[in-house]
PDB file of all heavy atoms in Angstrom:
ATOM      1  N   SER A   1      -3.071 -20.620 -17.144  1.00  0.00           N
ATOM      2  CA  SER A   1      -1.858 -21.207 -16.537  1.00  0.00           C
ATOM      3  C   SER A   1      -0.964 -20.117 -15.964  1.00  0.00           C
ATOM      4  O   SER A   1      -0.472 -20.231 -14.837  1.00  0.00           O
ATOM      5  CB  SER A   1      -1.095 -22.040 -17.573  1.00  0.00           C
ATOM      6  OG  SER A   1      -1.889 -23.069 -18.078  1.00  0.00           O
ATOM      7  N   ILE A   2      -0.755 -19.040 -16.730  1.00  0.00           N
ATOM      8  CA  ILE A   2       0.087 -17.946 -16.253  1.00  0.00           C
ATOM      9  C   ILE A   2      -0.558 -17.254 -15.079  1.00  0.00           C
ATOM     10  O   ILE A   2       0.143 -16.852 -14.117  1.00  0.00           O
ATOM     11  CB  ILE A   2       0.355 -16.955 -17.437  1.00  0.00           C
ATOM     12  CG1 ILE A   2       1.181 -17.657 -18.516  1.00  0.00           C
ATOM     13  CG2 ILE A   2       1.100 -15.702 -16.936  1.00  0.00           C
ATOM     14  CD1 ILE A   2       1.366 -16.813 -19.791  1.00  0.00           C
ATOM     15  N   LEU A   3      -1.874 -17.109 -15.092  1.00  0.00           N
ATOM     16  CA  LEU A   3      -2.576 -16.455 -13.979  1.00  0.00           C
ATOM     17  C   LEU A   3      -2.376 -17.256 -12.700  1.00  0.00           C
ATOM     18  O   LEU A   3      -2.104 -16.680 -11.635  1.00  0.00           O
ATOM     19  CB  LEU A   3      -4.056 -16.304 -14.312  1.00  0.00           C
ATOM     20  CG  LEU A   3      -4.918 -15.668 -13.209  1.00  0.00           C
ATOM     21  CD1 LEU A   3      -4.445 -14.243 -12.915  1.00  0.00           C
ATOM     22  CD2 LEU A   3      -6.409 -15.677 -13.622  1.00  0.00           C
ATOM     23  N   VAL A   4      -2.538 -18.569 -12.800  1.00  0.00           N
ATOM     24  CA  VAL A   4      -2.390 -19.402 -11.589  1.00  0.00           C
ATOM     25  C   VAL A   4      -0.968 -19.299 -11.048  1.00  0.00           C
ATOM     26  O   VAL A   4      -0.747 -19.127  -9.832  1.00  0.00           O
ATOM     27  CB  VAL A   4      -2.728 -20.875 -11.928  1.00  0.00           C
ATOM     28  CG1 VAL A   4      -2.354 -21.796 -10.775  1.00  0.00           C
ATOM     29  CG2 VAL A   4      -4.216 -21.013 -12.230  1.00  0.00           C
ATOM     30  N   VAL A   5       0.024 -19.372 -11.937  1.00  0.00           N
ATOM     31  CA  VAL A   5       1.437 -19.254 -11.508  1.00  0.00           C
ATOM     32  C   VAL A   5       1.677 -17.854 -10.921  1.00  0.00           C
ATOM     33  O   VAL A   5       2.401 -17.718  -9.921  1.00  0.00           O
ATOM     34  CB  VAL A   5       2.380 -19.508 -12.672  1.00  0.00           C
ATOM     35  CG1 VAL A   5       3.816 -19.165 -12.327  1.00  0.00           C
ATOM     36  CG2 VAL A   5       2.273 -20.967 -13.113  1.00  0.00           C
ATOM     37  N   SER A   6       1.068 -16.831 -11.499  1.00  0.00           N
ATOM     38  CA  SER A   6       1.275 -15.471 -11.029  1.00  0.00           C
ATOM     39  C   SER A   6       0.751 -15.270  -9.592  1.00  0.00           C
ATOM     40  O   SER A   6       1.321 -14.496  -8.809  1.00  0.00           O
ATOM     41  CB  SER A   6       0.607 -14.436 -11.955  1.00  0.00           C
ATOM     42  OG  SER A   6      -0.818 -14.434 -11.810  1.00  0.00           O
ATOM     43  N   VAL A   7      -0.344 -15.940  -9.281  1.00  0.00           N
ATOM     44  CA  VAL A   7      -0.897 -15.826  -7.920  1.00  0.00           C
ATOM     45  C   VAL A   7       0.128 -16.354  -6.920  1.00  0.00           C
ATOM     46  O   VAL A   7       0.399 -15.688  -5.888  1.00  0.00           O
ATOM     47  CB  VAL A   7      -2.232 -16.585  -7.798  1.00  0.00           C
ATOM     48  CG1 VAL A   7      -2.702 -16.637  -6.349  1.00  0.00           C
ATOM     49  CG2 VAL A   7      -3.313 -15.900  -8.691  1.00  0.00           C
ATOM     50  N   GLY A   8       0.663 -17.539  -7.174  1.00  0.00           N
ATOM     51  CA  GLY A   8       1.663 -18.090  -6.282  1.00  0.00           C
ATOM     52  C   GLY A   8       2.927 -17.211  -6.234  1.00  0.00           C
ATOM     53  O   GLY A   8       3.501 -16.988  -5.161  1.00  0.00           O
ATOM     54  N   TYR A   9       3.328 -16.652  -7.385  1.00  0.00           N
ATOM     55  CA  TYR A   9       4.498 -15.799  -7.443  1.00  0.00           C
ATOM     56  C   TYR A   9       4.293 -14.536  -6.612  1.00  0.00           C
ATOM     57  O   TYR A   9       5.191 -14.136  -5.838  1.00  0.00           O
ATOM     58  CB  TYR A   9       4.796 -15.428  -8.885  1.00  0.00           C
ATOM     59  CG  TYR A   9       5.942 -14.442  -9.036  1.00  0.00           C
ATOM     60  CD1 TYR A   9       7.268 -14.853  -8.946  1.00  0.00           C
ATOM     61  CD2 TYR A   9       5.673 -13.083  -9.267  1.00  0.00           C
ATOM     62  CE1 TYR A   9       8.293 -13.943  -9.116  1.00  0.00           C
ATOM     63  CE2 TYR A   9       6.707 -12.188  -9.404  1.00  0.00           C
ATOM     64  CZ  TYR A   9       8.014 -12.618  -9.326  1.00  0.00           C
ATOM     65  OH  TYR A   9       9.036 -11.720  -9.449  1.00  0.00           O
ATOM     66  N   MET A  10       3.114 -13.894  -6.727  1.00  0.00           N
ATOM     67  CA  MET A  10       2.868 -12.636  -6.014  1.00  0.00           C
ATOM     68  C   MET A  10       2.704 -12.842  -4.518  1.00  0.00           C
ATOM     69  O   MET A  10       2.986 -11.943  -3.727  1.00  0.00           O
ATOM     70  CB  MET A  10       1.656 -11.904  -6.579  1.00  0.00           C
ATOM     71  CG  MET A  10       1.863 -11.297  -7.973  1.00  0.00           C
ATOM     72  SD  MET A  10       3.365 -10.262  -8.115  1.00  0.00           S
ATOM     73  CE  MET A  10       3.096  -9.084  -6.792  1.00  0.00           C
ATOM     74  N   LEU A  11       2.230 -14.044  -4.134  1.00  0.00           N
ATOM     75  CA  LEU A  11       2.171 -14.325  -2.666  1.00  0.00           C
ATOM     76  C   LEU A  11       3.553 -14.286  -2.076  1.00  0.00           C
ATOM     77  O   LEU A  11       3.726 -13.888  -0.915  1.00  0.00           O
ATOM     78  CB  LEU A  11       1.536 -15.695  -2.440  1.00  0.00           C
ATOM     79  CG  LEU A  11      -0.008 -15.756  -2.636  1.00  0.00           C
ATOM     80  CD1 LEU A  11      -0.483 -17.212  -2.540  1.00  0.00           C
ATOM     81  CD2 LEU A  11      -0.705 -14.904  -1.596  1.00  0.00           C
ATOM     82  N   LEU A  12       4.553 -14.657  -2.877  1.00  0.00           N
ATOM     83  CA  LEU A  12       5.954 -14.584  -2.416  1.00  0.00           C
ATOM     84  C   LEU A  12       6.543 -13.185  -2.662  1.00  0.00           C
ATOM     85  O   LEU A  12       7.138 -12.577  -1.765  1.00  0.00           O
ATOM     86  CB  LEU A  12       6.784 -15.633  -3.132  1.00  0.00           C
ATOM     87  CG  LEU A  12       8.290 -15.573  -2.948  1.00  0.00           C
ATOM     88  CD1 LEU A  12       8.657 -15.868  -1.495  1.00  0.00           C
ATOM     89  CD2 LEU A  12       9.015 -16.557  -3.889  1.00  0.00           C
ATOM     90  N   ALA A  13       6.361 -12.678  -3.866  1.00  0.00           N
ATOM     91  CA  ALA A  13       7.069 -11.452  -4.285  1.00  0.00           C
ATOM     92  C   ALA A  13       6.561 -10.217  -3.545  1.00  0.00           C
ATOM     93  O   ALA A  13       7.320  -9.246  -3.426  1.00  0.00           O
ATOM     94  CB  ALA A  13       6.903 -11.264  -5.795  1.00  0.00           C
ATOM     95  N   ARG A  14       5.319 -10.199  -3.037  1.00  0.00           N
ATOM     96  CA  ARG A  14       4.833  -9.014  -2.349  1.00  0.00           C
ATOM     97  C   ARG A  14       5.695  -8.716  -1.113  1.00  0.00           C
ATOM     98  O   ARG A  14       5.758  -7.562  -0.677  1.00  0.00           O
ATOM     99  CB  ARG A  14       3.376  -9.198  -1.954  1.00  0.00           C
ATOM    100  CG  ARG A  14       3.133 -10.318  -0.947  1.00  0.00           C
ATOM    101  CD  ARG A  14       1.651 -10.651  -0.803  1.00  0.00           C
ATOM    102  NE  ARG A  14       1.478 -11.859  -0.048  1.00  0.00           N
ATOM    103  CZ  ARG A  14       1.250 -11.900   1.269  1.00  0.00           C
ATOM    104  NH1 ARG A  14       1.151 -10.763   1.945  1.00  0.00           N
ATOM    105  NH2 ARG A  14       1.103 -13.054   1.903  1.00  0.00           N
ATOM    106  N   HIS A  15       6.356  -9.713  -0.591  1.00  0.00           N
ATOM    107  CA  HIS A  15       7.235  -9.491   0.562  1.00  0.00           C
ATOM    108  C   HIS A  15       8.528  -8.795   0.181  1.00  0.00           C
ATOM    109  O   HIS A  15       9.236  -8.300   1.032  1.00  0.00           O
ATOM    110  CB  HIS A  15       7.585 -10.835   1.232  1.00  0.00           C
ATOM    111  CG  HIS A  15       6.386 -11.530   1.808  1.00  0.00           C
ATOM    112  ND1 HIS A  15       5.656 -11.031   2.879  1.00  0.00           N
ATOM    113  CD2 HIS A  15       5.764 -12.715   1.490  1.00  0.00           C
ATOM    114  CE1 HIS A  15       4.672 -11.851   3.175  1.00  0.00           C
ATOM    115  NE2 HIS A  15       4.707 -12.848   2.356  1.00  0.00           N
ATOM    116  N   TRP A  16       8.813  -8.745  -1.145  1.00  0.00           N
ATOM    117  CA  TRP A  16       9.985  -8.012  -1.605  1.00  0.00           C
ATOM    118  C   TRP A  16       9.779  -6.525  -1.586  1.00  0.00           C
ATOM    119  O   TRP A  16      10.721  -5.750  -1.668  1.00  0.00           O
ATOM    120  CB  TRP A  16      10.393  -8.475  -2.998  1.00  0.00           C
ATOM    121  CG  TRP A  16      10.690  -9.931  -3.094  1.00  0.00           C
ATOM    122  CD1 TRP A  16      10.884 -10.799  -2.064  1.00  0.00           C
ATOM    123  CD2 TRP A  16      10.771 -10.718  -4.300  1.00  0.00           C
ATOM    124  NE1 TRP A  16      11.106 -12.071  -2.504  1.00  0.00           N
ATOM    125  CE2 TRP A  16      11.046 -12.062  -3.876  1.00  0.00           C
ATOM    126  CE3 TRP A  16      10.673 -10.434  -5.635  1.00  0.00           C
ATOM    127  CZ2 TRP A  16      11.209 -13.080  -4.807  1.00  0.00           C
ATOM    128  CZ3 TRP A  16      10.828 -11.457  -6.559  1.00  0.00           C
ATOM    129  CH2 TRP A  16      11.103 -12.766  -6.151  1.00  0.00           C
ATOM    130  N   LEU A  17       8.496  -6.100  -1.539  1.00  0.00           N
ATOM    131  CA  LEU A  17       8.193  -4.676  -1.452  1.00  0.00           C
ATOM    132  C   LEU A  17       8.265  -4.266   0.007  1.00  0.00           C
ATOM    133  O   LEU A  17       7.248  -3.989   0.640  1.00  0.00           O
ATOM    134  CB  LEU A  17       6.774  -4.422  -2.016  1.00  0.00           C
ATOM    135  CG  LEU A  17       6.626  -4.691  -3.516  1.00  0.00           C
ATOM    136  CD1 LEU A  17       5.148  -4.652  -3.899  1.00  0.00           C
ATOM    137  CD2 LEU A  17       7.412  -3.693  -4.355  1.00  0.00           C
ATOM    138  N   THR A  18       9.452  -4.236   0.534  1.00  0.00           N
ATOM    139  CA  THR A  18       9.623  -4.007   1.973  1.00  0.00           C
ATOM    140  C   THR A  18      10.291  -2.667   2.263  1.00  0.00           C
ATOM    141  O   THR A  18      10.827  -2.452   3.327  1.00  0.00           O
ATOM    142  CB  THR A  18      10.529  -5.109   2.584  1.00  0.00           C
ATOM    143  OG1 THR A  18      11.742  -5.193   1.821  1.00  0.00           O
ATOM    144  CG2 THR A  18       9.803  -6.434   2.523  1.00  0.00           C
ATOM    145  N   ALA A  19      10.208  -1.741   1.293  1.00  0.00           N
ATOM    146  CA  ALA A  19      10.744  -0.407   1.553  1.00  0.00           C
ATOM    147  C   ALA A  19       9.981   0.241   2.683  1.00  0.00           C
ATOM    148  O   ALA A  19       8.837  -0.111   2.964  1.00  0.00           O
ATOM    149  CB  ALA A  19      10.638   0.457   0.271  1.00  0.00           C
ATOM    150  N   LYS A  20      10.615   1.202   3.302  1.00  0.00           N
ATOM    151  CA  LYS A  20      10.023   1.848   4.484  1.00  0.00           C
ATOM    152  C   LYS A  20       8.648   2.419   4.154  1.00  0.00           C
ATOM    153  O   LYS A  20       7.710   2.349   4.951  1.00  0.00           O
ATOM    154  CB  LYS A  20      10.941   2.957   4.994  1.00  0.00           C
ATOM    155  CG  LYS A  20      10.459   3.602   6.278  1.00  0.00           C
ATOM    156  CD  LYS A  20      11.428   4.648   6.752  1.00  0.00           C
ATOM    157  CE  LYS A  20      10.937   5.290   8.012  1.00  0.00           C
ATOM    158  NZ  LYS A  20      11.872   6.334   8.514  1.00  0.00           N
ATOM    159  N   SER A  21       8.522   2.949   2.927  1.00  0.00           N
ATOM    160  CA  SER A  21       7.250   3.573   2.551  1.00  0.00           C
ATOM    161  C   SER A  21       6.120   2.568   2.454  1.00  0.00           C
ATOM    162  O   SER A  21       4.955   2.952   2.463  1.00  0.00           O
ATOM    163  CB  SER A  21       7.385   4.294   1.214  1.00  0.00           C
ATOM    164  OG  SER A  21       7.711   3.381   0.201  1.00  0.00           O
ATOM    165  N   LEU A  22       6.474   1.259   2.326  1.00  0.00           N
ATOM    166  CA  LEU A  22       5.431   0.263   2.192  1.00  0.00           C
ATOM    167  C   LEU A  22       5.182  -0.465   3.498  1.00  0.00           C
ATOM    168  O   LEU A  22       4.397  -1.414   3.510  1.00  0.00           O
ATOM    169  CB  LEU A  22       5.803  -0.738   1.097  1.00  0.00           C
ATOM    170  CG  LEU A  22       5.976  -0.201  -0.303  1.00  0.00           C
ATOM    171  CD1 LEU A  22       6.130  -1.342  -1.286  1.00  0.00           C
ATOM    172  CD2 LEU A  22       4.837   0.707  -0.705  1.00  0.00           C
ATOM    173  N   THR A  23       5.817  -0.100   4.562  1.00  0.00           N
ATOM    174  CA  THR A  23       5.632  -0.835   5.797  1.00  0.00           C
ATOM    175  C   THR A  23       4.861  -0.034   6.843  1.00  0.00           C
ATOM    176  O   THR A  23       4.680  -0.501   7.948  1.00  0.00           O
ATOM    177  CB  THR A  23       6.999  -1.239   6.382  1.00  0.00           C
ATOM    178  OG1 THR A  23       7.780  -0.048   6.582  1.00  0.00           O
ATOM    179  CG2 THR A  23       7.721  -2.188   5.448  1.00  0.00           C
ATOM    180  N   THR A  24       4.509   1.180   6.506  1.00  0.00           N
ATOM    181  CA  THR A  24       3.721   1.988   7.433  1.00  0.00           C
ATOM    182  C   THR A  24       2.461   2.428   6.752  1.00  0.00           C
ATOM    183  O   THR A  24       2.330   2.410   5.543  1.00  0.00           O
ATOM    184  CB  THR A  24       4.522   3.221   7.893  1.00  0.00           C
ATOM    185  OG1 THR A  24       4.599   4.128   6.789  1.00  0.00           O
ATOM    186  CG2 THR A  24       5.885   2.862   8.403  1.00  0.00           C
ATOM    187  N   MET A  25       1.537   2.900   7.571  1.00  0.00           N
ATOM    188  CA  MET A  25       0.288   3.392   6.998  1.00  0.00           C
ATOM    189  C   MET A  25       0.235   4.911   7.015  1.00  0.00           C
ATOM    190  O   MET A  25      -0.800   5.508   6.818  1.00  0.00           O
ATOM    191  CB  MET A  25      -0.916   2.855   7.823  1.00  0.00           C
ATOM    192  CG  MET A  25      -1.213   1.385   7.569  1.00  0.00           C
ATOM    193  SD  MET A  25      -1.640   1.085   5.844  1.00  0.00           S
ATOM    194  CE  MET A  25      -3.169   1.978   5.730  1.00  0.00           C
ATOM    195  N   SER A  26       1.360   5.557   7.281  1.00  0.00           N
ATOM    196  CA  SER A  26       1.356   7.007   7.409  1.00  0.00           C
ATOM    197  C   SER A  26       0.938   7.697   6.116  1.00  0.00           C
ATOM    198  O   SER A  26       0.387   8.807   6.143  1.00  0.00           O
ATOM    199  CB  SER A  26       2.728   7.503   7.810  1.00  0.00           C
ATOM    200  OG  SER A  26       3.709   7.139   6.888  1.00  0.00           O
ATOM    201  N   ASN A  27       1.224   7.070   4.979  1.00  0.00           N
ATOM    202  CA  ASN A  27       0.903   7.694   3.688  1.00  0.00           C
ATOM    203  C   ASN A  27      -0.290   7.081   3.017  1.00  0.00           C
ATOM    204  O   ASN A  27      -0.607   7.408   1.897  1.00  0.00           O
ATOM    205  CB  ASN A  27       2.115   7.620   2.754  1.00  0.00           C
ATOM    206  CG  ASN A  27       3.222   8.505   3.208  1.00  0.00           C
ATOM    207  OD1 ASN A  27       2.990   9.533   3.819  1.00  0.00           O
ATOM    208  ND2 ASN A  27       4.459   8.087   2.955  1.00  0.00           N
ATOM    209  N   SER A  28      -0.931   6.084   3.622  1.00  0.00           N
ATOM    210  CA  SER A  28      -2.032   5.406   2.944  1.00  0.00           C
ATOM    211  C   SER A  28      -3.276   6.298   2.921  1.00  0.00           C
ATOM    212  O   SER A  28      -3.458   7.155   3.726  1.00  0.00           O
ATOM    213  CB  SER A  28      -2.333   4.109   3.647  1.00  0.00           C
ATOM    214  OG  SER A  28      -2.752   4.330   4.970  1.00  0.00           O
ATOM    215  N   ARG A  29      -4.126   6.016   1.951  1.00  0.00           N
ATOM    216  CA  ARG A  29      -5.344   6.849   1.766  1.00  0.00           C
ATOM    217  C   ARG A  29      -6.410   6.439   2.769  1.00  0.00           C
ATOM    218  O   ARG A  29      -6.789   5.278   2.865  1.00  0.00           O
ATOM    219  CB  ARG A  29      -5.885   6.685   0.340  1.00  0.00           C
ATOM    220  CG  ARG A  29      -5.179   7.563  -0.675  1.00  0.00           C
ATOM    221  CD  ARG A  29      -3.896   6.972  -1.024  1.00  0.00           C
ATOM    222  NE  ARG A  29      -3.211   7.815  -2.020  1.00  0.00           N
ATOM    223  CZ  ARG A  29      -1.926   7.802  -2.182  1.00  0.00           C
ATOM    224  NH1 ARG A  29      -1.186   7.044  -1.432  1.00  0.00           N
ATOM    225  NH2 ARG A  29      -1.352   8.522  -3.105  1.00  0.00           N
ATOM    226  N   ARG A  30      -6.954   7.430   3.456  1.00  0.00           N
ATOM    227  CA  ARG A  30      -8.057   7.190   4.408  1.00  0.00           C
ATOM    228  C   ARG A  30      -9.307   7.752   3.791  1.00  0.00           C
ATOM    229  O   ARG A  30      -9.317   8.795   3.189  1.00  0.00           O
ATOM    230  CB  ARG A  30      -7.761   7.877   5.727  1.00  0.00           C
ATOM    231  CG  ARG A  30      -6.461   7.458   6.366  1.00  0.00           C
ATOM    232  CD  ARG A  30      -6.462   6.032   6.837  1.00  0.00           C
ATOM    233  NE  ARG A  30      -5.281   5.720   7.627  1.00  0.00           N
ATOM    234  CZ  ARG A  30      -5.062   4.540   8.175  1.00  0.00           C
ATOM    235  NH1 ARG A  30      -5.930   3.579   8.049  1.00  0.00           N
ATOM    236  NH2 ARG A  30      -3.936   4.340   8.846  1.00  0.00           N
ATOM    237  N   ARG A  31     -10.404   7.072   4.015  1.00  0.00           N
ATOM    238  CA  ARG A  31     -11.643   7.492   3.415  1.00  0.00           C
ATOM    239  C   ARG A  31     -12.450   8.410   4.329  1.00  0.00           C
ATOM    240  O   ARG A  31     -13.610   8.138   4.603  1.00  0.00           O
ATOM    241  CB  ARG A  31     -12.454   6.254   3.056  1.00  0.00           C
ATOM    242  CG  ARG A  31     -11.709   5.401   2.041  1.00  0.00           C
ATOM    243  CD  ARG A  31     -12.609   4.830   1.016  1.00  0.00           C
ATOM    244  NE  ARG A  31     -11.837   4.135   0.019  1.00  0.00           N
ATOM    245  CZ  ARG A  31     -12.041   4.320  -1.286  1.00  0.00           C
ATOM    246  NH1 ARG A  31     -12.900   5.185  -1.676  1.00  0.00           N
ATOM    247  NH2 ARG A  31     -11.350   3.632  -2.143  1.00  0.00           N
ATOM    248  N   THR A  32     -11.789   9.434   4.865  1.00  0.00           N
ATOM    249  CA  THR A  32     -12.470  10.475   5.637  1.00  0.00           C
ATOM    250  C   THR A  32     -11.948  11.811   5.185  1.00  0.00           C
ATOM    251  O   THR A  32     -10.815  11.953   4.756  1.00  0.00           O
ATOM    252  CB  THR A  32     -12.250  10.296   7.139  1.00  0.00           C
ATOM    253  OG1 THR A  32     -10.872  10.520   7.439  1.00  0.00           O
ATOM    254  CG2 THR A  32     -12.664   8.936   7.634  1.00  0.00           C
ATOM    255  N   LEU A  33     -12.799  12.837   5.316  1.00  0.00           N
ATOM    256  CA  LEU A  33     -12.367  14.194   4.962  1.00  0.00           C
ATOM    257  C   LEU A  33     -11.216  14.628   5.834  1.00  0.00           C
ATOM    258  O   LEU A  33     -10.280  15.299   5.394  1.00  0.00           O
ATOM    259  CB  LEU A  33     -13.546  15.152   5.090  1.00  0.00           C
ATOM    260  CG  LEU A  33     -14.638  15.031   4.045  1.00  0.00           C
ATOM    261  CD1 LEU A  33     -15.825  15.927   4.402  1.00  0.00           C
ATOM    262  CD2 LEU A  33     -14.117  15.413   2.662  1.00  0.00           C
ATOM    263  N   LYS A  34     -11.261  14.288   7.138  1.00  0.00           N
ATOM    264  CA  LYS A  34     -10.210  14.717   8.067  1.00  0.00           C
ATOM    265  C   LYS A  34      -8.843  14.161   7.638  1.00  0.00           C
ATOM    266  O   LYS A  34      -7.814  14.846   7.743  1.00  0.00           O
ATOM    267  CB  LYS A  34     -10.532  14.253   9.478  1.00  0.00           C
ATOM    268  CG  LYS A  34      -9.537  14.749  10.508  1.00  0.00           C
ATOM    269  CD  LYS A  34      -9.870  14.260  11.916  1.00  0.00           C
ATOM    270  CE  LYS A  34      -8.893  14.814  12.925  1.00  0.00           C
ATOM    271  NZ  LYS A  34      -7.503  14.459  12.605  1.00  0.00           N
ATOM    272  N   SER A  35      -8.824  12.935   7.152  1.00  0.00           N
ATOM    273  CA  SER A  35      -7.566  12.328   6.727  1.00  0.00           C
ATOM    274  C   SER A  35      -6.991  13.057   5.521  1.00  0.00           C
ATOM    275  O   SER A  35      -5.800  13.295   5.436  1.00  0.00           O
ATOM    276  CB  SER A  35      -7.775  10.853   6.387  1.00  0.00           C
ATOM    277  OG  SER A  35      -8.213  10.134   7.512  1.00  0.00           O
ATOM    278  N   PHE A  36      -7.854  13.404   4.562  1.00  0.00           N
ATOM    279  CA  PHE A  36      -7.420  14.192   3.423  1.00  0.00           C
ATOM    280  C   PHE A  36      -6.815  15.513   3.887  1.00  0.00           C
ATOM    281  O   PHE A  36      -5.791  15.964   3.374  1.00  0.00           O
ATOM    282  CB  PHE A  36      -8.588  14.457   2.456  1.00  0.00           C
ATOM    283  CG  PHE A  36      -9.001  13.267   1.645  1.00  0.00           C
ATOM    284  CD1 PHE A  36     -10.274  13.208   1.127  1.00  0.00           C
ATOM    285  CD2 PHE A  36      -8.138  12.218   1.389  1.00  0.00           C
ATOM    286  CE1 PHE A  36     -10.682  12.098   0.351  1.00  0.00           C
ATOM    287  CE2 PHE A  36      -8.524  11.138   0.630  1.00  0.00           C
ATOM    288  CZ  PHE A  36      -9.797  11.068   0.121  1.00  0.00           C
ATOM    289  N   ILE A  37      -7.498  16.174   4.826  1.00  0.00           N
ATOM    290  CA  ILE A  37      -7.049  17.468   5.313  1.00  0.00           C
ATOM    291  C   ILE A  37      -5.669  17.353   5.964  1.00  0.00           C
ATOM    292  O   ILE A  37      -4.778  18.186   5.705  1.00  0.00           O
ATOM    293  CB  ILE A  37      -8.082  18.038   6.317  1.00  0.00           C
ATOM    294  CG1 ILE A  37      -9.384  18.379   5.580  1.00  0.00           C
ATOM    295  CG2 ILE A  37      -7.531  19.266   7.049  1.00  0.00           C
ATOM    296  CD1 ILE A  37     -10.551  18.611   6.522  1.00  0.00           C
ATOM    297  N   ASP A  38      -5.447  16.329   6.764  1.00  0.00           N
ATOM    298  CA  ASP A  38      -4.166  16.142   7.413  1.00  0.00           C
ATOM    299  C   ASP A  38      -3.084  15.782   6.434  1.00  0.00           C
ATOM    300  O   ASP A  38      -1.947  16.315   6.485  1.00  0.00           O
ATOM    301  CB  ASP A  38      -4.263  15.028   8.480  1.00  0.00           C
ATOM    302  CG  ASP A  38      -5.163  15.424   9.647  1.00  0.00           C
ATOM    303  OD1 ASP A  38      -5.384  16.629   9.837  1.00  0.00           O
ATOM    304  OD2 ASP A  38      -5.650  14.515  10.350  1.00  0.00           O
ATOM    305  N   GLU A  39      -3.397  14.891   5.507  1.00  0.00           N
ATOM    306  CA  GLU A  39      -2.392  14.375   4.575  1.00  0.00           C
ATOM    307  C   GLU A  39      -1.889  15.472   3.624  1.00  0.00           C
ATOM    308  O   GLU A  39      -0.691  15.521   3.299  1.00  0.00           O
ATOM    309  CB  GLU A  39      -3.000  13.221   3.770  1.00  0.00           C
ATOM    310  CG  GLU A  39      -2.017  12.562   2.798  1.00  0.00           C
ATOM    311  CD  GLU A  39      -2.690  11.429   2.044  1.00  0.00           C
ATOM    312  OE1 GLU A  39      -3.730  10.921   2.518  1.00  0.00           O
ATOM    313  OE2 GLU A  39      -2.165  11.054   0.992  1.00  0.00           O
ATOM    314  N   TYR A  40      -2.775  16.329   3.187  1.00  0.00           N
ATOM    315  CA  TYR A  40      -2.417  17.386   2.244  1.00  0.00           C
ATOM    316  C   TYR A  40      -2.097  18.729   2.916  1.00  0.00           C
ATOM    317  O   TYR A  40      -1.993  19.757   2.265  1.00  0.00           O
ATOM    318  CB  TYR A  40      -3.518  17.570   1.195  1.00  0.00           C
ATOM    319  CG  TYR A  40      -3.562  16.444   0.194  1.00  0.00           C
ATOM    320  CD1 TYR A  40      -4.313  15.283   0.459  1.00  0.00           C
ATOM    321  CD2 TYR A  40      -2.891  16.493  -1.016  1.00  0.00           C
ATOM    322  CE1 TYR A  40      -4.367  14.222  -0.450  1.00  0.00           C
ATOM    323  CE2 TYR A  40      -2.933  15.466  -1.929  1.00  0.00           C
ATOM    324  CZ  TYR A  40      -3.671  14.338  -1.635  1.00  0.00           C
ATOM    325  OH  TYR A  40      -3.728  13.286  -2.519  1.00  0.00           O
ATOM    326  N   GLN A  41      -2.003  18.691   4.256  1.00  0.00           N
ATOM    327  CA  GLN A  41      -1.608  19.854   5.045  1.00  0.00           C
ATOM    328  C   GLN A  41      -2.463  21.075   4.760  1.00  0.00           C
ATOM    329  O   GLN A  41      -1.983  22.161   4.409  1.00  0.00           O
ATOM    330  CB  GLN A  41      -0.117  20.185   4.783  1.00  0.00           C
ATOM    331  CG  GLN A  41       0.813  19.004   5.046  1.00  0.00           C
ATOM    332  CD  GLN A  41       2.250  19.285   4.629  1.00  0.00           C
ATOM    333  OE1 GLN A  41       2.700  20.414   4.689  1.00  0.00           O
ATOM    334  NE2 GLN A  41       2.959  18.214   4.228  1.00  0.00           N
ATOM    335  N   LEU A  42      -3.774  20.863   4.899  1.00  0.00           N
ATOM    336  CA  LEU A  42      -4.735  21.946   4.569  1.00  0.00           C
ATOM    337  C   LEU A  42      -5.165  22.739   5.812  1.00  0.00           C
ATOM    338  O   LEU A  42      -5.949  23.681   5.669  1.00  0.00           O
ATOM    339  CB  LEU A  42      -5.991  21.347   3.905  1.00  0.00           C
ATOM    340  CG  LEU A  42      -5.752  20.517   2.625  1.00  0.00           C
ATOM    341  CD1 LEU A  42      -7.068  19.946   2.140  1.00  0.00           C
ATOM    342  CD2 LEU A  42      -5.098  21.386   1.554  1.00  0.00           C
ATOM    343  N   GLN A  43      -4.658  22.373   6.973  1.00  0.00           N
ATOM    344  CA  GLN A  43      -5.041  23.108   8.182  1.00  0.00           C
ATOM    345  C   GLN A  43      -4.709  24.576   8.047  1.00  0.00           C
ATOM    346  O   GLN A  43      -3.716  24.962   7.463  1.00  0.00           O
ATOM    347  CB  GLN A  43      -4.328  22.535   9.424  1.00  0.00           C
ATOM    348  CG  GLN A  43      -4.586  21.035   9.662  1.00  0.00           C
ATOM    349  CD  GLN A  43      -3.568  20.138   8.962  1.00  0.00           C
ATOM    350  OE1 GLN A  43      -2.903  20.566   8.007  1.00  0.00           O
ATOM    351  NE2 GLN A  43      -3.478  18.902   9.388  1.00  0.00           N
TER     352      GLN A  43
END
């Protein structure tokens, strides 16, 4: 019962995570070596 209610709740509540860091993909993990290199400033 709690799981079913939680699904409906999170469909709504995920929109509350609207901070700037969560609205762009600039910091998201990419599954390529080049992305790791750029993100961690290894150039």
